[in-house]
Every structure is written in structure tokens, then in C-alpha cells.
Amino acid sequence: MENSRYLYGKIKGRAERHLLELAEKDPSLKIYAARPALIDPEGQNLRQTEYTTGRNFLIGTLGFIFRNVYKSLQIGTEPLAKALTTLALSDGEPLSEGTGIEHNGRVITNVGLRNMAGL
């Protein structure tokens, strides 16, 4: 992620790398890096914000496409909260490597977060 062309990705990647290196030096630190993709507020922002009809249509259409066609690229706010709470309440041990779990069980991609939330 540190090689991202976006500043946010570079900073997040650098922070992840430094935190994971720090955890290797001090085993008492239990670090997880969560990498959610598109966070879907599940319609909450549409009810709270007045947009033009065109923008509502665009947001609704894109939301529908990601929720139904590209499911692995999005996660709702409630499932994300469930997955992150599960991580926070865990024993801090590395997760088992598998789909969506990377870097010795310390980095959880969107697919891994969806799996943890039961999606």
C-alpha cells in the first residue's frame, strides 16, 4: 500500500509498516491493520443530506452496483463495526492465514473483514 499513487495510501502504508515492525520488536504489542474498501453507510447519508435528484440517482445506482455486483469491494458500517470489535476484543494473536488475511495474520483486507462479519 505504501507504493500507492494516492497520498492517503502512502501514509497508511507507511504507518502500517512501522506499526508491524514495532510489534516485531515488542511482542507485547498486538497490532492489526484493517483495510476496508468502500465503506457503505447503508443509505444513512442519503436520509441526512439533501442532494439533487441527479446525485441521489448516481449514489443510489453506484450503491446498488457495489452491494449486488461487486460485493467483495464494499462493506457496510455495521458489519465493519462488528469485525473491528471482534479484533479489538480478541486475544491479539495473529489470525490464521487465508482469504483476506495477510502478513502473518496481522493485515485484514476487506474480504477478511467481510468474512469476520459473517457476510
PDB file of N, CA and C in Angstrom:
ATOM      1  N   MET A   1       0.819  -1.188   0.000  1.00  0.00           N
ATOM      2  CA  MET A   1       0.000   0.000   0.000  1.00  0.00           C
ATOM      3  C   MET A   1       0.864   1.253   0.000  1.00  0.00           C
ATOM      4  N   GLU A   2       2.084   1.138   0.506  1.00  0.00           N
ATOM      5  CA  GLU A   2       2.963   2.291   0.575  1.00  0.00           C
ATOM      6  C   GLU A   2       3.344   2.796  -0.819  1.00  0.00           C
ATOM      7  N   ASN A   3       3.195   1.947  -1.838  1.00  0.00           N
ATOM      8  CA  ASN A   3       3.505   2.332  -3.209  1.00  0.00           C
ATOM      9  C   ASN A   3       2.306   2.937  -3.924  1.00  0.00           C
ATOM     10  N   SER A   4       1.257   3.214  -3.215  1.00  0.00           N
ATOM     11  CA  SER A   4       0.043   3.792  -3.795  1.00  0.00           C
ATOM     12  C   SER A   4       0.366   5.138  -4.426  1.00  0.00           C
ATOM     13  N   ARG A   5      -0.375   5.484  -5.452  1.00  0.00           N
ATOM     14  CA  ARG A   5      -0.172   6.803  -6.051  1.00  0.00           C
ATOM     15  C   ARG A   5      -0.944   7.875  -5.290  1.00  0.00           C
ATOM     16  N   TYR A   6      -1.769   7.472  -4.343  1.00  0.00           N
ATOM     17  CA  TYR A   6      -2.545   8.422  -3.548  1.00  0.00           C
ATOM     18  C   TYR A   6      -1.850   8.669  -2.218  1.00  0.00           C
ATOM     19  N   LEU A   7      -1.828   9.914  -1.796  1.00  0.00           N
ATOM     20  CA  LEU A   7      -1.150  10.281  -0.560  1.00  0.00           C
ATOM     21  C   LEU A   7      -1.698   9.487   0.626  1.00  0.00           C
ATOM     22  N   TYR A   8      -3.031   9.327   0.699  1.00  0.00           N
ATOM     23  CA  TYR A   8      -3.630   8.576   1.802  1.00  0.00           C
ATOM     24  C   TYR A   8      -3.056   7.158   1.865  1.00  0.00           C
ATOM     25  N   GLY A   9      -2.955   6.504   0.712  1.00  0.00           N
ATOM     26  CA  GLY A   9      -2.424   5.140   0.666  1.00  0.00           C
ATOM     27  C   GLY A   9      -0.968   5.079   1.101  1.00  0.00           C
ATOM     28  N   LYS A  10      -0.190   6.061   0.691  1.00  0.00           N
ATOM     29  CA  LYS A  10       1.227   6.094   1.076  1.00  0.00           C
ATOM     30  C   LYS A  10       1.381   6.247   2.585  1.00  0.00           C
ATOM     31  N   ILE A  11       0.624   7.175   3.147  1.00  0.00           N
ATOM     32  CA  ILE A  11       0.712   7.425   4.591  1.00  0.00           C
ATOM     33  C   ILE A  11       0.217   6.211   5.375  1.00  0.00           C
ATOM     34  N   LYS A  12      -0.924   5.645   4.968  1.00  0.00           N
ATOM     35  CA  LYS A  12      -1.462   4.472   5.659  1.00  0.00           C
ATOM     36  C   LYS A  12      -0.498   3.299   5.546  1.00  0.00           C
ATOM     37  N   GLY A  13       0.069   3.093   4.367  1.00  0.00           N
ATOM     38  CA  GLY A  13       1.025   2.006   4.178  1.00  0.00           C
ATOM     39  C   GLY A  13       2.264   2.170   5.044  1.00  0.00           C
ATOM     40  N   ARG A  14       2.768   3.387   5.123  1.00  0.00           N
ATOM     41  CA  ARG A  14       3.946   3.661   5.946  1.00  0.00           C
ATOM     42  C   ARG A  14       3.621   3.440   7.422  1.00  0.00           C
ATOM     43  N   ALA A  15       2.462   3.892   7.856  1.00  0.00           N
ATOM     44  CA  ALA A  15       2.057   3.700   9.252  1.00  0.00           C
ATOM     45  C   ALA A  15       1.913   2.210   9.571  1.00  0.00           C
ATOM     46  N   GLU A  16       1.271   1.453   8.669  1.00  0.00           N
ATOM     47  CA  GLU A  16       1.131   0.005   8.873  1.00  0.00           C
ATOM     48  C   GLU A  16       2.492  -0.650   9.012  1.00  0.00           C
ATOM     49  N   ARG A  17       3.406  -0.319   8.091  1.00  0.00           N
ATOM     50  CA  ARG A  17       4.732  -0.931   8.111  1.00  0.00           C
ATOM     51  C   ARG A  17       5.453  -0.639   9.426  1.00  0.00           C
ATOM     52  N   HIS A  18       5.419   0.627   9.844  1.00  0.00           N
ATOM     53  CA  HIS A  18       6.105   0.990  11.092  1.00  0.00           C
ATOM     54  C   HIS A  18       5.476   0.308  12.305  1.00  0.00           C
ATOM     55  N   LEU A  19       4.159   0.240  12.351  1.00  0.00           N
ATOM     56  CA  LEU A  19       3.494  -0.423  13.479  1.00  0.00           C
ATOM     57  C   LEU A  19       3.803  -1.914  13.514  1.00  0.00           C
ATOM     58  N   LEU A  20       3.802  -2.573  12.356  1.00  0.00           N
ATOM     59  CA  LEU A  20       4.096  -4.002  12.312  1.00  0.00           C
ATOM     60  C   LEU A  20       5.556  -4.269  12.687  1.00  0.00           C
ATOM     61  N   GLU A  21       6.474  -3.387  12.272  1.00  0.00           N
ATOM     62  CA  GLU A  21       7.879  -3.521  12.663  1.00  0.00           C
ATOM     63  C   GLU A  21       8.040  -3.324  14.167  1.00  0.00           C
ATOM     64  N   LEU A  22       7.320  -2.366  14.717  1.00  0.00           N
ATOM     65  CA  LEU A  22       7.368  -2.105  16.153  1.00  0.00           C
ATOM     66  C   LEU A  22       6.853  -3.317  16.934  1.00  0.00           C
ATOM     67  N   ALA A  23       5.793  -3.938  16.427  1.00  0.00           N
ATOM     68  CA  ALA A  23       5.238  -5.120  17.094  1.00  0.00           C
ATOM     69  C   ALA A  23       6.207  -6.299  17.050  1.00  0.00           C
ATOM     70  N   GLU A  24       7.025  -6.389  16.002  1.00  0.00           N
ATOM     71  CA  GLU A  24       8.030  -7.456  15.939  1.00  0.00           C
ATOM     72  C   GLU A  24       9.099  -7.259  17.006  1.00  0.00           C
ATOM     73  N   LYS A  25       9.436  -6.016  17.298  1.00  0.00           N
ATOM     74  CA  LYS A  25      10.446  -5.709  18.312  1.00  0.00           C
ATOM     75  C   LYS A  25       9.899  -5.872  19.726  1.00  0.00           C
ATOM     76  N   ASP A  26       8.620  -5.594  19.898  1.00  0.00           N
ATOM     77  CA  ASP A  26       7.989  -5.686  21.212  1.00  0.00           C
ATOM     78  C   ASP A  26       6.760  -6.589  21.122  1.00  0.00           C
ATOM     79  N   PRO A  27       6.928  -7.889  21.449  1.00  0.00           N
ATOM     80  CA  PRO A  27       5.825  -8.846  21.315  1.00  0.00           C
ATOM     81  C   PRO A  27       4.593  -8.532  22.170  1.00  0.00           C
ATOM     82  N   SER A  28       4.708  -7.617  23.124  1.00  0.00           N
ATOM     83  CA  SER A  28       3.537  -7.286  23.927  1.00  0.00           C
ATOM     84  C   SER A  28       2.538  -6.443  23.122  1.00  0.00           C
ATOM     85  N   LEU A  29       2.982  -5.837  22.027  1.00  0.00           N
ATOM     86  CA  LEU A  29       2.078  -5.075  21.158  1.00  0.00           C
ATOM     87  C   LEU A  29       1.337  -6.042  20.249  1.00  0.00           C
ATOM     88  N   LYS A  30       0.067  -5.921  20.201  1.00  0.00           N
ATOM     89  CA  LYS A  30      -0.785  -6.790  19.376  1.00  0.00           C
ATOM     90  C   LYS A  30      -1.430  -5.921  18.301  1.00  0.00           C
ATOM     91  N   ILE A  31      -0.797  -5.828  17.164  1.00  0.00           N
ATOM     92  CA  ILE A  31      -1.209  -4.923  16.094  1.00  0.00           C
ATOM     93  C   ILE A  31      -2.002  -5.655  15.018  1.00  0.00           C
ATOM     94  N   TYR A  32      -3.115  -5.064  14.598  1.00  0.00           N
ATOM     95  CA  TYR A  32      -3.851  -5.496  13.417  1.00  0.00           C
ATOM     96  C   TYR A  32      -4.012  -4.272  12.517  1.00  0.00           C
ATOM     97  N   ALA A  33      -3.890  -4.476  11.231  1.00  0.00           N
ATOM     98  CA  ALA A  33      -4.141  -3.409  10.266  1.00  0.00           C
ATOM     99  C   ALA A  33      -5.367  -3.805   9.454  1.00  0.00           C
ATOM    100  N   ALA A  34      -6.426  -3.030   9.562  1.00  0.00           N
ATOM    101  CA  ALA A  34      -7.656  -3.307   8.817  1.00  0.00           C
ATOM    102  C   ALA A  34      -7.644  -2.492   7.532  1.00  0.00           C
ATOM    103  N   ARG A  35      -8.022  -3.141   6.440  1.00  0.00           N
ATOM    104  CA  ARG A  35      -8.060  -2.475   5.140  1.00  0.00           C
ATOM    105  C   ARG A  35      -9.448  -2.587   4.508  1.00  0.00           C
ATOM    106  N   PRO A  36     -10.416  -1.862   5.037  1.00  0.00           N
ATOM    107  CA  PRO A  36     -11.735  -1.881   4.389  1.00  0.00           C
ATOM    108  C   PRO A  36     -11.649  -1.180   3.036  1.00  0.00           C
ATOM    109  N   ALA A  37     -12.506  -1.565   2.124  1.00  0.00           N
ATOM    110  CA  ALA A  37     -12.540  -0.918   0.805  1.00  0.00           C
ATOM    111  C   ALA A  37     -13.616   0.166   0.848  1.00  0.00           C
ATOM    112  N   LEU A  38     -14.617   0.074   0.016  1.00  0.00           N
ATOM    113  CA  LEU A  38     -15.700   1.057   0.004  1.00  0.00           C
ATOM    114  C   LEU A  38     -16.585   0.815   1.224  1.00  0.00           C
ATOM    115  N   ILE A  39     -16.655   1.791   2.108  1.00  0.00           N
ATOM    116  CA  ILE A  39     -17.498   1.666   3.293  1.00  0.00           C
ATOM    117  C   ILE A  39     -18.868   2.224   2.945  1.00  0.00           C
ATOM    118  N   ASP A  40     -19.857   1.358   2.957  1.00  0.00           N
ATOM    119  CA  ASP A  40     -21.218   1.718   2.570  1.00  0.00           C
ATOM    120  C   ASP A  40     -22.004   2.105   3.815  1.00  0.00           C
ATOM    121  N   PRO A  41     -22.415   3.371   3.915  1.00  0.00           N
ATOM    122  CA  PRO A  41     -23.184   3.783   5.093  1.00  0.00           C
ATOM    123  C   PRO A  41     -24.611   3.262   5.073  1.00  0.00           C
ATOM    124  N   GLU A  42     -24.924   2.405   4.111  1.00  0.00           N
ATOM    125  CA  GLU A  42     -26.222   1.738   4.019  1.00  0.00           C
ATOM    126  C   GLU A  42     -27.380   2.730   3.989  1.00  0.00           C
ATOM    127  N   GLY A  43     -27.221   3.784   3.187  1.00  0.00           N
ATOM    128  CA  GLY A  43     -28.294   4.740   2.989  1.00  0.00           C
ATOM    129  C   GLY A  43     -28.400   5.820   4.037  1.00  0.00           C
ATOM    130  N   GLN A  44     -27.622   5.757   5.100  1.00  0.00           N
ATOM    131  CA  GLN A  44     -27.744   6.735   6.178  1.00  0.00           C
ATOM    132  C   GLN A  44     -27.483   8.149   5.685  1.00  0.00           C
ATOM    133  N   ASN A  45     -26.443   8.333   4.869  1.00  0.00           N
ATOM    134  CA  ASN A  45     -26.130   9.700   4.454  1.00  0.00           C
ATOM    135  C   ASN A  45     -27.190  10.255   3.513  1.00  0.00           C
ATOM    136  N   LEU A  46     -27.878   9.417   2.758  1.00  0.00           N
ATOM    137  CA  LEU A  46     -28.916   9.912   1.856  1.00  0.00           C
ATOM    138  C   LEU A  46     -30.102  10.462   2.636  1.00  0.00           C
ATOM    139  N   ARG A  47     -30.391   9.896   3.779  1.00  0.00           N
ATOM    140  CA  ARG A  47     -31.510  10.395   4.582  1.00  0.00           C
ATOM    141  C   ARG A  47     -31.140  11.685   5.306  1.00  0.00           C
ATOM    142  N   GLN A  48     -29.862  11.869   5.605  1.00  0.00           N
ATOM    143  CA  GLN A  48     -29.445  13.004   6.405  1.00  0.00           C
ATOM    144  C   GLN A  48     -29.012  14.210   5.567  1.00  0.00           C
ATOM    145  N   THR A  49     -28.767  13.999   4.289  1.00  0.00           N
ATOM    146  CA  THR A  49     -28.267  15.077   3.442  1.00  0.00           C
ATOM    147  C   THR A  49     -29.191  15.259   2.246  1.00  0.00           C
ATOM    148  N   GLU A  50     -29.489  16.487   1.932  1.00  0.00           N
ATOM    149  CA  GLU A  50     -30.323  16.749   0.764  1.00  0.00           C
ATOM    150  C   GLU A  50     -29.421  16.934  -0.458  1.00  0.00           C
ATOM    151  N   TYR A  51     -29.554  16.013  -1.406  1.00  0.00           N
ATOM    152  CA  TYR A  51     -28.804  16.088  -2.655  1.00  0.00           C
ATOM    153  C   TYR A  51     -29.772  16.385  -3.785  1.00  0.00           C
ATOM    154  N   THR A  52     -29.223  16.748  -4.920  1.00  0.00           N
ATOM    155  CA  THR A  52     -30.053  16.925  -6.101  1.00  0.00           C
ATOM    156  C   THR A  52     -30.558  15.558  -6.548  1.00  0.00           C
ATOM    157  N   THR A  53     -31.586  15.546  -7.353  1.00  0.00           N
ATOM    158  CA  THR A  53     -32.147  14.294  -7.850  1.00  0.00           C
ATOM    159  C   THR A  53     -31.102  13.494  -8.612  1.00  0.00           C
ATOM    160  N   GLY A  54     -30.310  14.180  -9.428  1.00  0.00           N
ATOM    161  CA  GLY A  54     -29.261  13.501 -10.194  1.00  0.00           C
ATOM    162  C   GLY A  54     -28.227  12.844  -9.308  1.00  0.00           C
ATOM    163  N   ARG A  55     -27.820  13.543  -8.264  1.00  0.00           N
ATOM    164  CA  ARG A  55     -26.819  12.982  -7.355  1.00  0.00           C
ATOM    165  C   ARG A  55     -27.411  11.806  -6.572  1.00  0.00           C
ATOM    166  N   ASN A  56     -28.646  11.915  -6.126  1.00  0.00           N
ATOM    167  CA  ASN A  56     -29.308  10.794  -5.449  1.00  0.00           C
ATOM    168  C   ASN A  56     -29.352   9.573  -6.354  1.00  0.00           C
ATOM    169  N   PHE A  57     -29.661   9.787  -7.629  1.00  0.00           N
ATOM    170  CA  PHE A  57     -29.715   8.687  -8.592  1.00  0.00           C
ATOM    171  C   PHE A  57     -28.336   8.056  -8.744  1.00  0.00           C
ATOM    172  N   LEU A  58     -27.300   8.891  -8.901  1.00  0.00           N
ATOM    173  CA  LEU A  58     -25.943   8.387  -9.068  1.00  0.00           C
ATOM    174  C   LEU A  58     -25.491   7.599  -7.844  1.00  0.00           C
ATOM    175  N   ILE A  59     -25.686   8.157  -6.665  1.00  0.00           N
ATOM    176  CA  ILE A  59     -25.277   7.484  -5.432  1.00  0.00           C
ATOM    177  C   ILE A  59     -26.075   6.191  -5.250  1.00  0.00           C
ATOM    178  N   GLY A  60     -27.360   6.246  -5.499  1.00  0.00           N
ATOM    179  CA  GLY A  60     -28.192   5.044  -5.374  1.00  0.00           C
ATOM    180  C   GLY A  60     -27.778   3.959  -6.355  1.00  0.00           C
ATOM    181  N   THR A  61     -27.472   4.353  -7.584  1.00  0.00           N
ATOM    182  CA  THR A  61     -27.060   3.385  -8.607  1.00  0.00           C
ATOM    183  C   THR A  61     -25.723   2.759  -8.255  1.00  0.00           C
ATOM    184  N   LEU A  62     -24.760   3.594  -7.888  1.00  0.00           N
ATOM    185  CA  LEU A  62     -23.442   3.057  -7.519  1.00  0.00           C
ATOM    186  C   LEU A  62     -23.548   2.160  -6.286  1.00  0.00           C
ATOM    187  N   GLY A  63     -24.341   2.580  -5.317  1.00  0.00           N
ATOM    188  CA  GLY A  63     -24.538   1.746  -4.127  1.00  0.00           C
ATOM    189  C   GLY A  63     -25.137   0.400  -4.481  1.00  0.00           C
ATOM    190  N   PHE A  64     -26.137   0.405  -5.356  1.00  0.00           N
ATOM    191  CA  PHE A  64     -26.761  -0.843  -5.790  1.00  0.00           C
ATOM    192  C   PHE A  64     -25.750  -1.746  -6.487  1.00  0.00           C
ATOM    193  N   ILE A  65     -24.946  -1.169  -7.382  1.00  0.00           N
ATOM    194  CA  ILE A  65     -23.954  -1.959  -8.124  1.00  0.00           C
ATOM    195  C   ILE A  65     -22.956  -2.588  -7.163  1.00  0.00           C
ATOM    196  N   PHE A  66     -22.411  -1.799  -6.228  1.00  0.00           N
ATOM    197  CA  PHE A  66     -21.418  -2.352  -5.308  1.00  0.00           C
ATOM    198  C   PHE A  66     -22.034  -3.373  -4.355  1.00  0.00           C
ATOM    199  N   ARG A  67     -23.283  -3.129  -3.894  1.00  0.00           N
ATOM    200  CA  ARG A  67     -23.917  -4.073  -2.977  1.00  0.00           C
ATOM    201  C   ARG A  67     -24.266  -5.390  -3.656  1.00  0.00           C
ATOM    202  N   ASN A  68     -24.557  -5.355  -4.958  1.00  0.00           N
ATOM    203  CA  ASN A  68     -25.057  -6.548  -5.632  1.00  0.00           C
ATOM    204  C   ASN A  68     -24.109  -7.165  -6.646  1.00  0.00           C
ATOM    205  N   VAL A  69     -23.222  -6.397  -7.237  1.00  0.00           N
ATOM    206  CA  VAL A  69     -22.325  -6.933  -8.266  1.00  0.00           C
ATOM    207  C   VAL A  69     -20.906  -7.091  -7.729  1.00  0.00           C
ATOM    208  N   TYR A  70     -20.402  -6.072  -7.072  1.00  0.00           N
ATOM    209  CA  TYR A  70     -19.030  -6.096  -6.552  1.00  0.00           C
ATOM    210  C   TYR A  70     -19.037  -6.181  -5.030  1.00  0.00           C
ATOM    211  N   LYS A  71     -19.691  -7.198  -4.504  1.00  0.00           N
ATOM    212  CA  LYS A  71     -19.871  -7.316  -3.053  1.00  0.00           C
ATOM    213  C   LYS A  71     -18.552  -7.300  -2.287  1.00  0.00           C
ATOM    214  N   SER A  72     -17.527  -7.956  -2.827  1.00  0.00           N
ATOM    215  CA  SER A  72     -16.271  -8.057  -2.086  1.00  0.00           C
ATOM    216  C   SER A  72     -15.547  -6.715  -1.981  1.00  0.00           C
ATOM    217  N   LEU A  73     -15.981  -5.712  -2.751  1.00  0.00           N
ATOM    218  CA  LEU A  73     -15.325  -4.410  -2.728  1.00  0.00           C
ATOM    219  C   LEU A  73     -15.986  -3.411  -1.783  1.00  0.00           C
ATOM    220  N   GLN A  74     -17.027  -3.832  -1.061  1.00  0.00           N
ATOM    221  CA  GLN A  74     -17.694  -2.919  -0.138  1.00  0.00           C
ATOM    222  C   GLN A  74     -17.983  -3.635   1.166  1.00  0.00           C
ATOM    223  N   ILE A  75     -18.198  -2.844   2.190  1.00  0.00           N
ATOM    224  CA  ILE A  75     -18.623  -3.381   3.483  1.00  0.00           C
ATOM    225  C   ILE A  75     -19.493  -2.317   4.143  1.00  0.00           C
ATOM    226  N   GLY A  76     -20.576  -2.732   4.746  1.00  0.00           N
ATOM    227  CA  GLY A  76     -21.470  -1.809   5.444  1.00  0.00           C
ATOM    228  C   GLY A  76     -20.855  -1.357   6.763  1.00  0.00           C
ATOM    229  N   THR A  77     -21.375  -0.278   7.298  1.00  0.00           N
ATOM    230  CA  THR A  77     -20.828   0.247   8.545  1.00  0.00           C
ATOM    231  C   THR A  77     -21.045  -0.711   9.719  1.00  0.00           C
ATOM    232  N   GLU A  78     -22.207  -1.349   9.774  1.00  0.00           N
ATOM    233  CA  GLU A  78     -22.463  -2.267  10.885  1.00  0.00           C
ATOM    234  C   GLU A  78     -21.591  -3.524  10.806  1.00  0.00           C
ATOM    235  N   PRO A  79     -21.461  -4.174   9.626  1.00  0.00           N
ATOM    236  CA  PRO A  79     -20.549  -5.328   9.562  1.00  0.00           C
ATOM    237  C   PRO A  79     -19.096  -4.932   9.846  1.00  0.00           C
ATOM    238  N   LEU A  80     -18.686  -3.745   9.390  1.00  0.00           N
ATOM    239  CA  LEU A  80     -17.320  -3.292   9.669  1.00  0.00           C
ATOM    240  C   LEU A  80     -17.123  -3.110  11.167  1.00  0.00           C
ATOM    241  N   ALA A  81     -18.107  -2.504  11.834  1.00  0.00           N
ATOM    242  CA  ALA A  81     -18.021  -2.316  13.287  1.00  0.00           C
ATOM    243  C   ALA A  81     -17.943  -3.667  13.998  1.00  0.00           C
ATOM    244  N   LYS A  82     -18.713  -4.642  13.524  1.00  0.00           N
ATOM    245  CA  LYS A  82     -18.694  -5.982  14.123  1.00  0.00           C
ATOM    246  C   LYS A  82     -17.311  -6.617  13.981  1.00  0.00           C
ATOM    247  N   ALA A  83     -16.717  -6.528  12.786  1.00  0.00           N
ATOM    248  CA  ALA A  83     -15.400  -7.118  12.559  1.00  0.00           C
ATOM    249  C   ALA A  83     -14.326  -6.421  13.392  1.00  0.00           C
ATOM    250  N   LEU A  84     -14.350  -5.101  13.432  1.00  0.00           N
ATOM    251  CA  LEU A  84     -13.341  -4.371  14.198  1.00  0.00           C
ATOM    252  C   LEU A  84     -13.493  -4.604  15.700  1.00  0.00           C
ATOM    253  N   THR A  85     -14.733  -4.730  16.176  1.00  0.00           N
ATOM    254  CA  THR A  85     -14.961  -5.032  17.590  1.00  0.00           C
ATOM    255  C   THR A  85     -14.441  -6.429  17.923  1.00  0.00           C
ATOM    256  N   THR A  86     -14.657  -7.371  17.020  1.00  0.00           N
ATOM    257  CA  THR A  86     -14.136  -8.727  17.216  1.00  0.00           C
ATOM    258  C   THR A  86     -12.612  -8.695  17.339  1.00  0.00           C
ATOM    259  N   LEU A  87     -11.957  -7.927  16.475  1.00  0.00           N
ATOM    260  CA  LEU A  87     -10.497  -7.803  16.558  1.00  0.00           C
ATOM    261  C   LEU A  87     -10.072  -7.157  17.875  1.00  0.00           C
ATOM    262  N   ALA A  88     -10.760  -6.093  18.267  1.00  0.00           N
ATOM    263  CA  ALA A  88     -10.393  -5.378  19.490  1.00  0.00           C
ATOM    264  C   ALA A  88     -10.559  -6.236  20.738  1.00  0.00           C
ATOM    265  N   LEU A  89     -11.552  -7.118  20.729  1.00  0.00           N
ATOM    266  CA  LEU A  89     -11.812  -7.958  21.905  1.00  0.00           C
ATOM    267  C   LEU A  89     -11.069  -9.294  21.868  1.00  0.00           C
ATOM    268  N   SER A  90     -10.308  -9.533  20.800  1.00  0.00           N
ATOM    269  CA  SER A  90      -9.604 -10.810  20.683  1.00  0.00           C
ATOM    270  C   SER A  90      -8.380 -10.836  21.599  1.00  0.00           C
ATOM    271  N   ASP A  91      -7.717 -11.978  21.615  1.00  0.00           N
ATOM    272  CA  ASP A  91      -6.518 -12.123  22.434  1.00  0.00           C
ATOM    273  C   ASP A  91      -5.292 -11.468  21.800  1.00  0.00           C
ATOM    274  N   GLY A  92      -5.438 -10.950  20.602  1.00  0.00           N
ATOM    275  CA  GLY A  92      -4.342 -10.256  19.945  1.00  0.00           C
ATOM    276  C   GLY A  92      -3.391 -11.150  19.194  1.00  0.00           C
ATOM    277  N   GLU A  93      -3.678 -12.441  19.183  1.00  0.00           N
ATOM    278  CA  GLU A  93      -2.805 -13.366  18.463  1.00  0.00           C
ATOM    279  C   GLU A  93      -3.030 -13.229  16.962  1.00  0.00           C
ATOM    280  N   PRO A  94      -2.011 -13.549  16.152  1.00  0.00           N
ATOM    281  CA  PRO A  94      -2.181 -13.463  14.701  1.00  0.00           C
ATOM    282  C   PRO A  94      -3.343 -14.337  14.231  1.00  0.00           C
ATOM    283  N   LEU A  95      -4.061 -13.856  13.238  1.00  0.00           N
ATOM    284  CA  LEU A  95      -5.159 -14.626  12.659  1.00  0.00           C
ATOM    285  C   LEU A  95      -4.594 -15.692  11.735  1.00  0.00           C
ATOM    286  N   SER A  96      -5.348 -16.728  11.513  1.00  0.00           N
ATOM    287  CA  SER A  96      -4.918 -17.782  10.606  1.00  0.00           C
ATOM    288  C   SER A  96      -4.878 -17.241   9.190  1.00  0.00           C
ATOM    289  N   GLU A  97      -3.751 -17.480   8.500  1.00  0.00           N
ATOM    290  CA  GLU A  97      -3.625 -17.041   7.114  1.00  0.00           C
ATOM    291  C   GLU A  97      -4.727 -17.667   6.285  1.00  0.00           C
ATOM    292  N   GLY A  98      -5.254 -16.929   5.366  1.00  0.00           N
ATOM    293  CA  GLY A  98      -6.314 -17.403   4.490  1.00  0.00           C
ATOM    294  C   GLY A  98      -6.824 -16.261   3.649  1.00  0.00           C
ATOM    295  N   THR A  99      -7.951 -16.442   3.058  1.00  0.00           N
ATOM    296  CA  THR A  99      -8.526 -15.414   2.200  1.00  0.00           C
ATOM    297  C   THR A  99      -8.782 -14.135   2.991  1.00  0.00           C
ATOM    298  N   GLY A 100      -8.140 -13.076   2.594  1.00  0.00           N
ATOM    299  CA  GLY A 100      -8.339 -11.787   3.246  1.00  0.00           C
ATOM    300  C   GLY A 100      -7.461 -11.544   4.461  1.00  0.00           C
ATOM    301  N   ILE A 101      -6.603 -12.494   4.795  1.00  0.00           N
ATOM    302  CA  ILE A 101      -5.696 -12.334   5.933  1.00  0.00           C
ATOM    303  C   ILE A 101      -4.267 -12.413   5.389  1.00  0.00           C
ATOM    304  N   GLU A 102      -3.485 -11.374   5.636  1.00  0.00           N
ATOM    305  CA  GLU A 102      -2.145 -11.283   5.063  1.00  0.00           C
ATOM    306  C   GLU A 102      -1.112 -10.947   6.130  1.00  0.00           C
ATOM    307  N   HIS A 103       0.144 -10.935   5.716  1.00  0.00           N
ATOM    308  CA  HIS A 103       1.271 -10.506   6.546  1.00  0.00           C
ATOM    309  C   HIS A 103       1.269 -11.166   7.926  1.00  0.00           C
ATOM    310  N   ASN A 104       1.356 -12.486   7.890  1.00  0.00           N
ATOM    311  CA  ASN A 104       1.437 -13.267   9.130  1.00  0.00           C
ATOM    312  C   ASN A 104       0.243 -13.056  10.056  1.00  0.00           C
ATOM    313  N   GLY A 105      -0.932 -12.891   9.469  1.00  0.00           N
ATOM    314  CA  GLY A 105      -2.151 -12.783  10.266  1.00  0.00           C
ATOM    315  C   GLY A 105      -2.384 -11.442  10.911  1.00  0.00           C
ATOM    316  N   ARG A 106      -1.690 -10.409  10.432  1.00  0.00           N
ATOM    317  CA  ARG A 106      -1.812  -9.089  11.046  1.00  0.00           C
ATOM    318  C   ARG A 106      -2.537  -8.058  10.181  1.00  0.00           C
ATOM    319  N   VAL A 107      -2.692  -8.322   8.883  1.00  0.00           N
ATOM    320  CA  VAL A 107      -3.377  -7.397   7.978  1.00  0.00           C
ATOM    321  C   VAL A 107      -4.654  -8.074   7.487  1.00  0.00           C
ATOM    322  N   ILE A 108      -5.771  -7.395   7.663  1.00  0.00           N
ATOM    323  CA  ILE A 108      -7.072  -7.946   7.282  1.00  0.00           C
ATOM    324  C   ILE A 108      -7.643  -7.067   6.180  1.00  0.00           C
ATOM    325  N   THR A 109      -7.793  -7.644   4.990  1.00  0.00           N
ATOM    326  CA  THR A 109      -8.340  -6.900   3.855  1.00  0.00           C
ATOM    327  C   THR A 109      -9.863  -6.851   3.956  1.00  0.00           C
ATOM    328  N   ASN A 110     -10.470  -6.185   3.008  1.00  0.00           N
ATOM    329  CA  ASN A 110     -11.928  -6.070   3.007  1.00  0.00           C
ATOM    330  C   ASN A 110     -12.600  -7.439   2.981  1.00  0.00           C
ATOM    331  N   VAL A 111     -12.046  -8.363   2.201  1.00  0.00           N
ATOM    332  CA  VAL A 111     -12.624  -9.714   2.131  1.00  0.00           C
ATOM    333  C   VAL A 111     -12.541 -10.385   3.504  1.00  0.00           C
ATOM    334  N   GLY A 112     -11.437 -10.248   4.190  1.00  0.00           N
ATOM    335  CA  GLY A 112     -11.297 -10.809   5.533  1.00  0.00           C
ATOM    336  C   GLY A 112     -12.248 -10.173   6.524  1.00  0.00           C
ATOM    337  N   LEU A 113     -12.427  -8.864   6.429  1.00  0.00           N
ATOM    338  CA  LEU A 113     -13.362  -8.162   7.311  1.00  0.00           C
ATOM    339  C   LEU A 113     -14.789  -8.634   7.053  1.00  0.00           C
ATOM    340  N   ARG A 114     -15.147  -8.818   5.774  1.00  0.00           N
ATOM    341  CA  ARG A 114     -16.483  -9.330   5.430  1.00  0.00           C
ATOM    342  C   ARG A 114     -16.668 -10.734   6.002  1.00  0.00           C
ATOM    343  N   ASN A 115     -15.648 -11.575   5.895  1.00  0.00           N
ATOM    344  CA  ASN A 115     -15.730 -12.935   6.443  1.00  0.00           C
ATOM    345  C   ASN A 115     -15.928 -12.900   7.961  1.00  0.00           C
ATOM    346  N   MET A 116     -15.179 -12.017   8.638  1.00  0.00           N
ATOM    347  CA  MET A 116     -15.309 -11.908  10.100  1.00  0.00           C
ATOM    348  C   MET A 116     -16.706 -11.457  10.501  1.00  0.00           C
ATOM    349  N   ALA A 117     -17.342 -10.653   9.652  1.00  0.00           N
ATOM    350  CA  ALA A 117     -18.682 -10.135   9.955  1.00  0.00           C
ATOM    351  C   ALA A 117     -19.783 -11.112   9.533  1.00  0.00           C
ATOM    352  N   GLY A 118     -19.382 -12.237   8.943  1.00  0.00           N
ATOM    353  CA  GLY A 118     -20.362 -13.238   8.548  1.00  0.00           C
ATOM    354  C   GLY A 118     -21.054 -12.946   7.228  1.00  0.00           C
ATOM    355  N   LEU A 119     -20.422 -12.156   6.378  1.00  0.00           N
ATOM    356  CA  LEU A 119     -21.012 -11.830   5.070  1.00  0.00           C
ATOM    357  C   LEU A 119     -20.508 -12.790   3.999  1.00  0.00           C
TER     358      LEU A 119
END
